[in-house]
N, C-alpha and C. Protein backbone atom coordinates (compact mmCIF):
# COMPACT_ATOMS: atom_id res chain seq x y z
N UNK A 1 6.37 42.38 70.35
CA UNK A 1 4.99 42.36 70.64
C UNK A 1 4.45 41.09 70.12
N UNK A 2 3.72 40.46 70.92
CA UNK A 2 3.11 39.23 70.55
C UNK A 2 1.66 39.39 70.16
N UNK A 3 1.07 38.36 69.64
CA UNK A 3 -0.41 38.40 69.21
C UNK A 3 -1.27 38.65 70.38
N UNK A 4 -0.95 38.19 71.52
CA UNK A 4 -1.81 38.40 72.68
C UNK A 4 -1.81 39.87 73.11
N UNK A 5 -0.69 40.59 72.76
CA UNK A 5 -0.70 41.98 73.12
C UNK A 5 -1.61 42.79 72.24
N UNK A 6 -1.92 42.32 71.00
CA UNK A 6 -2.81 43.01 70.12
C UNK A 6 -4.24 42.64 70.21
N UNK A 7 -4.57 41.71 71.10
CA UNK A 7 -5.93 41.26 71.31
C UNK A 7 -6.80 42.44 71.73
N UNK A 8 -7.91 42.77 71.00
CA UNK A 8 -8.72 43.86 71.39
C UNK A 8 -9.30 43.80 72.80
N UNK A 9 -9.56 42.63 73.26
CA UNK A 9 -10.13 42.45 74.58
C UNK A 9 -9.17 42.86 75.67
N UNK A 10 -7.88 42.77 75.44
CA UNK A 10 -6.89 43.13 76.44
C UNK A 10 -6.40 44.56 76.30
N UNK A 11 -6.79 45.31 75.28
CA UNK A 11 -6.37 46.69 75.15
C UNK A 11 -7.29 47.57 75.99
N UNK A 12 -6.64 48.62 76.48
CA UNK A 12 -7.36 49.57 77.27
C UNK A 12 -7.73 50.77 76.40
N UNK A 13 -8.92 51.29 76.56
CA UNK A 13 -9.34 52.44 75.88
C UNK A 13 -8.96 53.72 76.72
N UNK A 14 -9.19 54.87 76.06
CA UNK A 14 -8.90 56.14 76.81
C UNK A 14 -9.91 56.36 77.89
N UNK A 15 -11.09 55.92 77.66
CA UNK A 15 -12.19 56.04 78.63
C UNK A 15 -12.35 54.63 79.38
N UNK A 16 -12.19 54.59 80.66
CA UNK A 16 -12.27 53.29 81.36
C UNK A 16 -13.67 52.72 81.25
N UNK A 17 -14.71 53.45 81.01
CA UNK A 17 -16.10 52.89 80.95
C UNK A 17 -16.47 52.31 79.64
N UNK A 18 -15.62 52.57 78.60
CA UNK A 18 -15.90 52.03 77.28
C UNK A 18 -15.02 50.83 77.00
N UNK A 19 -15.61 49.73 76.56
CA UNK A 19 -14.81 48.55 76.35
C UNK A 19 -13.80 48.78 75.19
N UNK A 20 -12.73 48.08 75.16
CA UNK A 20 -11.66 48.33 74.16
C UNK A 20 -12.15 47.92 72.79
N UNK A 21 -13.04 47.00 72.68
CA UNK A 21 -13.47 46.54 71.33
C UNK A 21 -14.34 47.60 70.69
N UNK A 22 -15.15 48.29 71.49
CA UNK A 22 -15.87 49.43 70.90
C UNK A 22 -14.98 50.58 70.55
N UNK A 23 -13.93 50.80 71.28
CA UNK A 23 -13.00 51.92 70.98
C UNK A 23 -12.27 51.60 69.66
N UNK A 24 -11.83 50.43 69.41
CA UNK A 24 -11.13 50.08 68.23
C UNK A 24 -12.04 50.08 66.99
N UNK A 25 -13.26 49.61 67.14
CA UNK A 25 -14.21 49.64 66.00
C UNK A 25 -14.56 51.06 65.64
N UNK A 26 -14.76 51.91 66.66
CA UNK A 26 -15.04 53.31 66.30
C UNK A 26 -13.88 53.98 65.60
N UNK A 27 -12.65 53.66 66.08
CA UNK A 27 -11.51 54.23 65.54
C UNK A 27 -11.28 53.74 64.01
N UNK A 28 -11.57 52.48 63.82
CA UNK A 28 -11.44 51.92 62.48
C UNK A 28 -12.47 52.56 61.52
N UNK A 29 -13.72 52.73 62.03
CA UNK A 29 -14.68 53.41 61.18
C UNK A 29 -14.34 54.80 60.82
N UNK A 30 -13.83 55.58 61.78
CA UNK A 30 -13.46 56.93 61.48
C UNK A 30 -12.27 56.93 60.52
N UNK A 31 -11.36 56.05 60.68
CA UNK A 31 -10.22 56.03 59.74
C UNK A 31 -10.69 55.74 58.37
N UNK A 32 -11.59 54.83 58.17
CA UNK A 32 -12.11 54.46 56.76
C UNK A 32 -12.92 55.69 56.23
N UNK A 33 -13.63 56.34 57.04
CA UNK A 33 -14.38 57.48 56.59
C UNK A 33 -13.48 58.58 56.16
N UNK A 34 -12.38 58.74 56.80
CA UNK A 34 -11.39 59.83 56.41
C UNK A 34 -10.74 59.55 55.10
N UNK A 35 -10.58 58.22 54.81
CA UNK A 35 -9.93 57.87 53.54
C UNK A 35 -10.91 58.09 52.35
N UNK A 36 -12.22 57.97 52.58
CA UNK A 36 -13.15 58.15 51.44
C UNK A 36 -13.35 59.64 51.17
N UNK A 37 -13.51 59.99 49.87
CA UNK A 37 -13.78 61.40 49.60
C UNK A 37 -15.10 61.83 50.09
N UNK A 38 -15.19 62.99 50.75
CA UNK A 38 -16.41 63.45 51.28
C UNK A 38 -17.21 64.07 50.19
N UNK A 39 -18.54 63.80 50.23
CA UNK A 39 -19.45 64.46 49.29
C UNK A 39 -19.64 65.90 49.73
N UNK A 40 -19.85 66.77 48.70
CA UNK A 40 -20.04 68.21 48.95
C UNK A 40 -21.39 68.36 49.62
N UNK A 41 -21.45 69.25 50.56
CA UNK A 41 -22.74 69.45 51.18
C UNK A 41 -23.74 70.04 50.23
N UNK A 42 -24.93 69.58 50.31
CA UNK A 42 -25.96 70.06 49.40
C UNK A 42 -26.48 71.50 49.82
N UNK A 43 -26.68 72.30 48.88
CA UNK A 43 -27.11 73.62 49.20
C UNK A 43 -28.67 73.59 49.66
N UNK A 44 -28.87 74.33 50.68
CA UNK A 44 -30.22 74.32 51.20
C UNK A 44 -31.15 75.12 50.15
N UNK A 45 -32.38 74.95 50.35
CA UNK A 45 -33.40 75.57 49.39
C UNK A 45 -33.27 77.08 49.43
N UNK A 46 -32.97 77.67 50.61
CA UNK A 46 -33.00 79.14 50.77
C UNK A 46 -31.69 79.72 50.25
N UNK A 47 -30.62 78.92 50.04
CA UNK A 47 -29.30 79.53 49.64
C UNK A 47 -29.28 79.55 48.12
N UNK A 48 -28.61 80.50 47.57
CA UNK A 48 -28.47 80.62 46.08
C UNK A 48 -27.38 79.64 45.63
N UNK A 49 -27.67 78.96 44.63
CA UNK A 49 -26.72 77.94 44.07
C UNK A 49 -25.87 78.65 43.08
N UNK A 50 -24.58 78.48 43.26
CA UNK A 50 -23.67 79.11 42.31
C UNK A 50 -23.62 78.36 40.98
N UNK A 51 -23.71 79.05 39.88
CA UNK A 51 -23.61 78.51 38.59
C UNK A 51 -22.20 78.74 38.04
N UNK A 52 -21.75 77.81 37.22
CA UNK A 52 -20.39 77.96 36.65
C UNK A 52 -20.48 79.09 35.63
N UNK A 53 -19.34 79.79 35.52
CA UNK A 53 -19.29 80.88 34.57
C UNK A 53 -19.11 80.30 33.15
N UNK A 54 -19.77 80.97 32.17
CA UNK A 54 -19.66 80.39 30.85
C UNK A 54 -18.19 80.54 30.33
N UNK A 55 -17.80 79.57 29.55
CA UNK A 55 -16.41 79.60 28.96
C UNK A 55 -16.37 80.67 27.89
N UNK A 56 -15.34 81.56 28.01
CA UNK A 56 -15.22 82.68 27.07
C UNK A 56 -14.50 82.13 25.80
N UNK A 57 -14.87 82.63 24.63
CA UNK A 57 -14.22 82.26 23.41
C UNK A 57 -13.57 83.48 22.77
N UNK A 58 -13.03 83.25 21.57
CA UNK A 58 -12.41 84.38 20.79
C UNK A 58 -13.36 85.43 20.47
N UNK A 59 -14.62 85.12 20.26
CA UNK A 59 -15.61 86.06 19.86
C UNK A 59 -15.94 86.99 21.00
N UNK A 60 -15.80 86.53 22.31
CA UNK A 60 -16.13 87.24 23.46
C UNK A 60 -14.99 88.27 23.83
N UNK A 61 -13.81 88.15 23.24
CA UNK A 61 -12.66 88.99 23.65
C UNK A 61 -12.72 90.28 23.01
N UNK A 62 -12.22 91.39 23.75
CA UNK A 62 -12.15 92.77 23.13
C UNK A 62 -11.03 92.76 22.10
N UNK A 63 -11.09 93.70 21.15
CA UNK A 63 -10.05 93.77 20.14
C UNK A 63 -8.69 94.13 20.84
N UNK A 64 -7.69 93.62 20.35
CA UNK A 64 -6.31 93.83 21.00
C UNK A 64 -5.84 95.26 20.88
N UNK A 65 -6.32 95.96 19.88
CA UNK A 65 -5.89 97.39 19.71
C UNK A 65 -6.52 98.23 20.81
N UNK A 66 -7.59 97.76 21.37
CA UNK A 66 -8.26 98.60 22.41
C UNK A 66 -7.61 98.41 23.85
N UNK A 67 -6.73 97.42 23.93
CA UNK A 67 -6.14 97.15 25.22
C UNK A 67 -4.88 98.04 25.48
N UNK A 68 -4.77 98.36 26.70
CA UNK A 68 -3.54 99.20 27.08
C UNK A 68 -2.91 98.50 28.32
N UNK A 69 -1.95 99.12 28.93
CA UNK A 69 -1.23 98.43 29.99
C UNK A 69 -2.05 98.28 31.27
N UNK A 70 -3.19 98.97 31.43
CA UNK A 70 -4.01 98.94 32.61
C UNK A 70 -5.22 98.01 32.40
N UNK A 71 -5.31 97.37 31.22
CA UNK A 71 -6.47 96.52 30.89
C UNK A 71 -6.34 95.21 31.64
N UNK A 72 -7.45 94.40 31.77
CA UNK A 72 -7.48 93.16 32.39
C UNK A 72 -7.27 92.10 31.34
N UNK A 73 -6.19 91.34 31.43
CA UNK A 73 -5.87 90.30 30.42
C UNK A 73 -6.27 88.96 30.89
N UNK A 74 -6.92 88.83 32.04
CA UNK A 74 -7.25 87.52 32.60
C UNK A 74 -8.30 86.75 31.75
N UNK A 75 -9.11 87.44 31.01
CA UNK A 75 -10.09 86.79 30.16
C UNK A 75 -9.43 86.01 29.08
N UNK A 76 -8.27 86.43 28.66
CA UNK A 76 -7.59 85.77 27.55
C UNK A 76 -6.99 84.41 28.00
N UNK A 77 -7.02 84.13 29.33
CA UNK A 77 -6.52 82.86 29.87
C UNK A 77 -7.61 81.82 29.89
N UNK A 78 -8.78 82.11 29.45
CA UNK A 78 -9.92 81.19 29.53
C UNK A 78 -9.59 79.96 28.58
N UNK A 79 -10.20 78.87 28.95
CA UNK A 79 -9.93 77.61 28.14
C UNK A 79 -10.50 77.78 26.72
N UNK A 80 -11.53 78.56 26.47
CA UNK A 80 -12.10 78.60 25.16
C UNK A 80 -11.41 79.54 24.22
N UNK A 81 -10.44 80.26 24.63
CA UNK A 81 -9.70 81.28 23.81
C UNK A 81 -8.59 80.47 23.08
N UNK A 82 -8.44 80.79 21.79
CA UNK A 82 -7.43 80.07 20.99
C UNK A 82 -6.01 80.42 21.49
N UNK A 83 -5.15 79.51 21.25
CA UNK A 83 -3.79 79.65 21.65
C UNK A 83 -3.11 80.87 21.05
N UNK A 84 -3.41 81.12 19.73
CA UNK A 84 -2.79 82.20 19.00
C UNK A 84 -3.19 83.55 19.64
N UNK A 85 -4.55 83.74 19.90
CA UNK A 85 -5.05 84.98 20.44
C UNK A 85 -4.46 85.19 21.85
N UNK A 86 -4.35 84.10 22.64
CA UNK A 86 -3.79 84.19 24.02
C UNK A 86 -2.38 84.63 23.94
N UNK A 87 -1.58 84.05 23.05
CA UNK A 87 -0.18 84.42 22.95
C UNK A 87 -0.01 85.88 22.51
N UNK A 88 -0.84 86.33 21.59
CA UNK A 88 -0.79 87.72 21.08
C UNK A 88 -1.14 88.68 22.25
N UNK A 89 -2.17 88.33 23.00
CA UNK A 89 -2.52 89.24 24.10
C UNK A 89 -1.48 89.27 25.16
N UNK A 90 -0.93 88.16 25.49
CA UNK A 90 0.14 88.14 26.52
C UNK A 90 1.38 88.82 26.06
N UNK A 91 1.72 88.77 24.75
CA UNK A 91 2.84 89.42 24.18
C UNK A 91 2.61 90.92 24.32
N UNK A 92 1.43 91.35 24.01
CA UNK A 92 1.08 92.80 24.10
C UNK A 92 1.27 93.24 25.58
N UNK A 93 0.75 92.47 26.46
CA UNK A 93 0.80 92.83 27.89
C UNK A 93 2.24 92.89 28.37
N UNK A 94 3.13 91.95 27.99
CA UNK A 94 4.53 91.94 28.48
C UNK A 94 5.39 92.94 27.75
N UNK A 95 4.90 93.51 26.60
CA UNK A 95 5.64 94.56 26.00
C UNK A 95 5.28 95.94 26.50
N UNK A 96 4.33 95.99 27.48
CA UNK A 96 3.95 97.23 28.14
C UNK A 96 5.03 97.77 29.02
N UNK A 97 4.85 98.99 29.50
CA UNK A 97 5.91 99.60 30.33
C UNK A 97 5.93 98.98 31.69
N UNK A 98 4.89 98.41 32.19
CA UNK A 98 4.96 97.75 33.54
C UNK A 98 5.89 96.56 33.54
N UNK A 99 5.92 95.80 32.48
CA UNK A 99 6.73 94.59 32.46
C UNK A 99 8.04 94.76 31.72
N UNK A 100 8.21 95.80 31.00
CA UNK A 100 9.35 95.97 30.15
C UNK A 100 10.43 96.88 30.85
N UNK A 101 10.89 96.39 32.00
CA UNK A 101 11.87 97.05 32.80
C UNK A 101 13.17 96.33 32.77
N UNK A 102 14.25 97.00 32.41
CA UNK A 102 15.49 96.37 32.42
C UNK A 102 16.18 96.47 33.73
N UNK A 103 16.67 95.36 34.17
CA UNK A 103 17.34 95.33 35.50
C UNK A 103 18.74 95.96 35.35
N UNK A 104 19.05 96.87 36.30
CA UNK A 104 20.34 97.55 36.26
C UNK A 104 21.48 96.63 36.51
N UNK A 105 21.26 95.50 37.13
CA UNK A 105 22.26 94.55 37.40
C UNK A 105 22.63 93.61 36.27
N UNK A 106 21.95 93.72 35.17
CA UNK A 106 22.13 92.88 34.02
C UNK A 106 23.41 93.22 33.35
N UNK A 107 24.25 92.21 33.21
CA UNK A 107 25.65 92.43 32.59
C UNK A 107 25.53 92.78 31.07
N UNK A 108 24.52 92.32 30.44
CA UNK A 108 24.43 92.45 29.07
C UNK A 108 23.49 93.65 28.61
N UNK A 109 23.13 94.47 29.57
CA UNK A 109 22.23 95.60 29.30
C UNK A 109 22.95 96.73 28.61
N UNK A 110 24.25 96.90 28.82
CA UNK A 110 25.04 97.97 28.21
C UNK A 110 25.48 97.57 26.86
N UNK A 111 25.88 98.58 25.97
CA UNK A 111 26.34 98.33 24.68
C UNK A 111 27.84 98.32 24.74
N UNK A 112 28.41 97.14 24.64
CA UNK A 112 29.86 97.02 24.69
C UNK A 112 30.53 97.10 23.31
N UNK A 113 29.76 97.34 22.32
CA UNK A 113 30.34 97.47 20.96
C UNK A 113 30.94 98.83 20.69
N UNK A 114 30.60 99.77 21.52
CA UNK A 114 31.13 101.14 21.35
C UNK A 114 32.32 101.30 22.30
N UNK A 115 33.50 101.52 21.75
CA UNK A 115 34.74 101.66 22.52
C UNK A 115 35.03 103.13 22.69
N UNK A 116 35.50 103.45 23.85
CA UNK A 116 35.92 104.82 24.14
C UNK A 116 37.39 104.93 23.57
N UNK A 117 37.62 105.89 22.72
CA UNK A 117 38.98 106.03 22.12
C UNK A 117 39.97 106.40 23.24
N UNK A 118 41.24 105.90 23.10
CA UNK A 118 42.23 106.22 24.11
C UNK A 118 42.83 107.63 23.83
N UNK A 119 42.77 108.08 22.70
CA UNK A 119 43.37 109.31 22.38
C UNK A 119 44.88 109.24 22.27
N UNK A 120 45.63 110.13 22.97
CA UNK A 120 47.08 110.06 22.87
C UNK A 120 47.69 109.18 24.00
N UNK A 121 46.88 108.57 24.75
CA UNK A 121 47.37 107.68 25.81
C UNK A 121 47.94 106.45 25.22
N UNK A 122 49.12 105.99 25.81
CA UNK A 122 49.71 104.78 25.32
C UNK A 122 49.71 103.91 26.61
N UNK A 123 49.04 102.69 26.51
CA UNK A 123 48.91 101.82 27.61
C UNK A 123 50.20 101.11 27.86
N UNK A 124 50.34 100.42 28.95
CA UNK A 124 51.52 99.63 29.28
C UNK A 124 51.77 98.46 28.25
N UNK A 125 50.61 97.84 27.84
CA UNK A 125 50.72 96.79 26.81
C UNK A 125 51.24 97.36 25.51
N UNK A 126 50.82 98.58 25.14
CA UNK A 126 51.30 99.16 23.94
C UNK A 126 52.78 99.51 24.03
N UNK A 127 53.22 100.03 25.25
CA UNK A 127 54.60 100.36 25.40
C UNK A 127 55.50 99.04 25.31
N UNK A 128 55.00 97.99 25.89
CA UNK A 128 55.69 96.78 25.85
C UNK A 128 55.83 96.21 24.42
N UNK A 129 54.76 96.30 23.66
CA UNK A 129 54.77 95.88 22.22
C UNK A 129 55.73 96.79 21.41
N UNK A 130 55.78 98.05 21.67
CA UNK A 130 56.70 98.97 20.97
C UNK A 130 58.14 98.62 21.30
N UNK A 131 58.44 98.32 22.60
CA UNK A 131 59.78 97.94 22.96
C UNK A 131 60.24 96.63 22.34
N UNK A 132 59.32 95.70 22.21
CA UNK A 132 59.64 94.43 21.54
C UNK A 132 59.89 94.66 20.07
N UNK A 133 59.16 95.50 19.41
CA UNK A 133 59.33 95.83 18.02
C UNK A 133 60.65 96.55 17.83
N UNK A 134 61.08 97.42 18.74
CA UNK A 134 62.36 98.10 18.64
C UNK A 134 63.53 97.10 18.77
N UNK A 135 63.36 96.21 19.72
CA UNK A 135 64.42 95.20 19.93
C UNK A 135 64.58 94.29 18.67
N UNK A 136 63.47 93.87 18.11
CA UNK A 136 63.49 93.06 16.89
C UNK A 136 64.10 93.82 15.71
N UNK A 137 63.74 95.09 15.57
CA UNK A 137 64.27 95.93 14.49
C UNK A 137 65.79 96.18 14.71
N UNK A 138 66.18 96.41 15.93
CA UNK A 138 67.59 96.62 16.20
C UNK A 138 68.33 95.35 15.97
N UNK A 139 67.80 94.20 16.36
CA UNK A 139 68.49 92.89 16.15
C UNK A 139 68.58 92.63 14.63
N UNK A 140 67.59 92.97 13.86
CA UNK A 140 67.65 92.78 12.33
C UNK A 140 68.74 93.66 11.79
N UNK A 141 68.81 94.94 12.23
CA UNK A 141 69.84 95.82 11.70
C UNK A 141 71.23 95.38 12.08
N UNK A 142 71.38 94.91 13.34
CA UNK A 142 72.69 94.42 13.72
C UNK A 142 73.13 93.25 12.95
N UNK A 143 72.23 92.27 12.70
CA UNK A 143 72.50 91.13 11.90
C UNK A 143 72.89 91.48 10.48
N UNK A 144 72.15 92.47 9.90
CA UNK A 144 72.48 92.91 8.57
C UNK A 144 73.83 93.54 8.48
N UNK A 145 74.17 94.38 9.42
CA UNK A 145 75.51 95.00 9.49
C UNK A 145 76.57 93.99 9.61
N UNK A 146 76.37 93.06 10.50
CA UNK A 146 77.39 91.94 10.74
C UNK A 146 77.53 91.09 9.52
N UNK A 147 76.50 90.79 8.84
CA UNK A 147 76.53 89.98 7.65
C UNK A 147 77.31 90.66 6.50
N UNK A 148 77.01 91.95 6.37
CA UNK A 148 77.69 92.71 5.34
C UNK A 148 79.14 92.90 5.55
N UNK A 149 79.49 93.08 6.87
CA UNK A 149 80.96 93.32 7.13
C UNK A 149 81.72 92.03 7.02
N UNK A 150 81.15 90.87 7.32
CA UNK A 150 81.80 89.62 7.27
C UNK A 150 81.99 89.11 5.83
N UNK A 151 81.13 89.40 4.91
CA UNK A 151 81.14 88.76 3.63
C UNK A 151 82.30 89.23 2.76
N UNK A 152 82.36 90.44 2.39
CA UNK A 152 83.44 90.88 1.46
C UNK A 152 83.69 92.35 1.64
N UNK A 153 84.84 92.87 1.19
CA UNK A 153 85.22 94.26 1.31
C UNK A 153 84.26 95.17 0.47
N UNK A 154 83.70 94.67 -0.56
CA UNK A 154 82.72 95.49 -1.38
C UNK A 154 81.50 95.76 -0.59
N UNK A 155 81.13 94.77 0.23
CA UNK A 155 79.93 94.95 1.01
C UNK A 155 80.09 95.90 2.20
N UNK A 156 81.35 96.22 2.55
CA UNK A 156 81.63 97.15 3.60
C UNK A 156 81.10 98.51 3.34
N UNK A 157 81.11 98.86 2.05
CA UNK A 157 80.56 100.18 1.70
C UNK A 157 79.07 100.20 1.94
N UNK A 158 78.33 99.12 1.64
CA UNK A 158 76.93 98.96 1.88
C UNK A 158 76.71 99.01 3.39
N UNK A 159 77.59 98.44 4.21
CA UNK A 159 77.42 98.49 5.67
C UNK A 159 77.54 99.84 6.19
N UNK A 160 78.45 100.67 5.61
CA UNK A 160 78.68 102.01 6.02
C UNK A 160 77.44 102.88 5.66
N UNK A 161 76.83 102.60 4.48
CA UNK A 161 75.60 103.26 4.18
C UNK A 161 74.49 102.94 5.15
N UNK A 162 74.41 101.70 5.60
CA UNK A 162 73.35 101.28 6.56
C UNK A 162 73.61 102.01 7.89
N UNK A 163 74.87 102.18 8.25
CA UNK A 163 75.17 102.87 9.54
C UNK A 163 74.78 104.32 9.41
N UNK A 164 74.90 104.94 8.21
CA UNK A 164 74.55 106.33 8.06
C UNK A 164 73.07 106.62 8.07
N UNK A 165 72.20 105.53 7.99
CA UNK A 165 70.74 105.70 8.08
C UNK A 165 70.41 106.09 9.47
N UNK A 166 69.30 106.92 9.60
CA UNK A 166 68.90 107.23 10.94
C UNK A 166 68.40 106.01 11.67
N UNK A 167 68.63 105.95 12.94
CA UNK A 167 68.24 104.84 13.75
C UNK A 167 66.78 104.99 14.11
N UNK A 168 65.87 104.16 13.57
CA UNK A 168 64.44 104.30 13.75
C UNK A 168 64.05 103.91 15.19
N UNK A 169 64.93 103.11 15.85
CA UNK A 169 64.52 102.62 17.16
C UNK A 169 64.71 103.70 18.18
N UNK A 170 65.59 104.71 17.96
CA UNK A 170 65.77 105.72 18.96
C UNK A 170 64.89 106.97 18.71
N UNK A 171 64.38 107.18 17.50
CA UNK A 171 63.53 108.27 17.12
C UNK A 171 62.06 107.79 17.15
N UNK A 172 61.47 107.86 18.24
CA UNK A 172 60.09 107.42 18.33
C UNK A 172 59.21 108.70 18.47
N UNK A 173 58.16 108.76 17.69
CA UNK A 173 57.24 109.88 17.61
C UNK A 173 56.07 109.63 18.50
N UNK A 174 56.03 108.53 19.23
CA UNK A 174 54.87 108.21 20.03
C UNK A 174 54.89 108.95 21.34
N UNK A 175 53.72 109.44 21.77
CA UNK A 175 53.61 110.08 23.05
C UNK A 175 53.28 109.05 24.12
N UNK A 176 53.91 109.07 25.17
CA UNK A 176 53.55 108.21 26.32
C UNK A 176 52.98 108.98 27.43
N UNK A 177 52.43 108.30 28.39
CA UNK A 177 51.80 109.01 29.55
C UNK A 177 52.84 109.77 30.30
N UNK A 178 54.04 109.20 30.43
CA UNK A 178 55.13 109.91 31.22
C UNK A 178 55.60 111.16 30.45
N UNK A 179 55.65 111.08 29.14
CA UNK A 179 56.05 112.28 28.38
C UNK A 179 55.07 113.36 28.53
N UNK A 180 53.73 113.02 28.48
CA UNK A 180 52.66 114.01 28.64
C UNK A 180 52.72 114.64 30.03
N UNK A 181 52.98 113.83 31.00
CA UNK A 181 53.12 114.34 32.38
C UNK A 181 54.36 115.30 32.56
N UNK A 182 55.43 114.96 31.88
CA UNK A 182 56.64 115.84 31.96
C UNK A 182 56.38 117.13 31.24
N UNK A 183 55.69 117.07 30.14
CA UNK A 183 55.43 118.30 29.37
C UNK A 183 54.51 119.26 30.10
N UNK A 184 53.58 118.76 30.93
CA UNK A 184 52.66 119.52 31.70
C UNK A 184 53.30 120.23 32.86
N UNK A 185 54.36 119.70 33.41
CA UNK A 185 54.95 120.30 34.63
C UNK A 185 55.91 121.42 34.31
C-alpha cells in the first residue's frame, strides 16, 4: 500500500453521499471517545440517589456464640472488621455441619493404623519365610553333623547325640490354609 492509497480524499465511505474526509473524521472522533472513560450519568432530580452503605466494624458484629450454621456471615467480610474477628467467624462457619463433610473418595479418610488380625491364617509370604528358616536350620544342623564326624572319633559320640535330637524342621506346629481346608473336609 502506498501513501496515495491512504489519502482521505481518495477513500470511499460506506455512504456515497458523504465525503470520505467526513467519514474518517467521524470515525476518529468515535474511536477517541470510546477510549476515554465515560462519566456516570447524573441522577435526575426525581430519582432516589443511592448512598453507600456504612462500613461495619467489630462493634457492629453479633457475638460469635449467637451464630449457628444458618447465620449470615457476610457482615464479617466488611473492610472495617478486624482480621482476627473475621478469621474466628469464618473458622466457626467452616466447622459447621454444612461445610464439615468428608469426601468418601478421600484416601486418607480411613484409619489405617488398626490392623485386622489374621488369626490362624498363614499367608504365602509367611509360608515362604518358614520354608527359608527350615532350610537354614537344616543346613546348620547338617554342617554341625559333618564337622563333628570329620574332626575326631570322640566327637562322633556328640554327632550321634545330635542325630538323636528331634528334627525341628519336620515337626511344625503352624497351621496353614491348606491344613485347615483338609481338616474341614
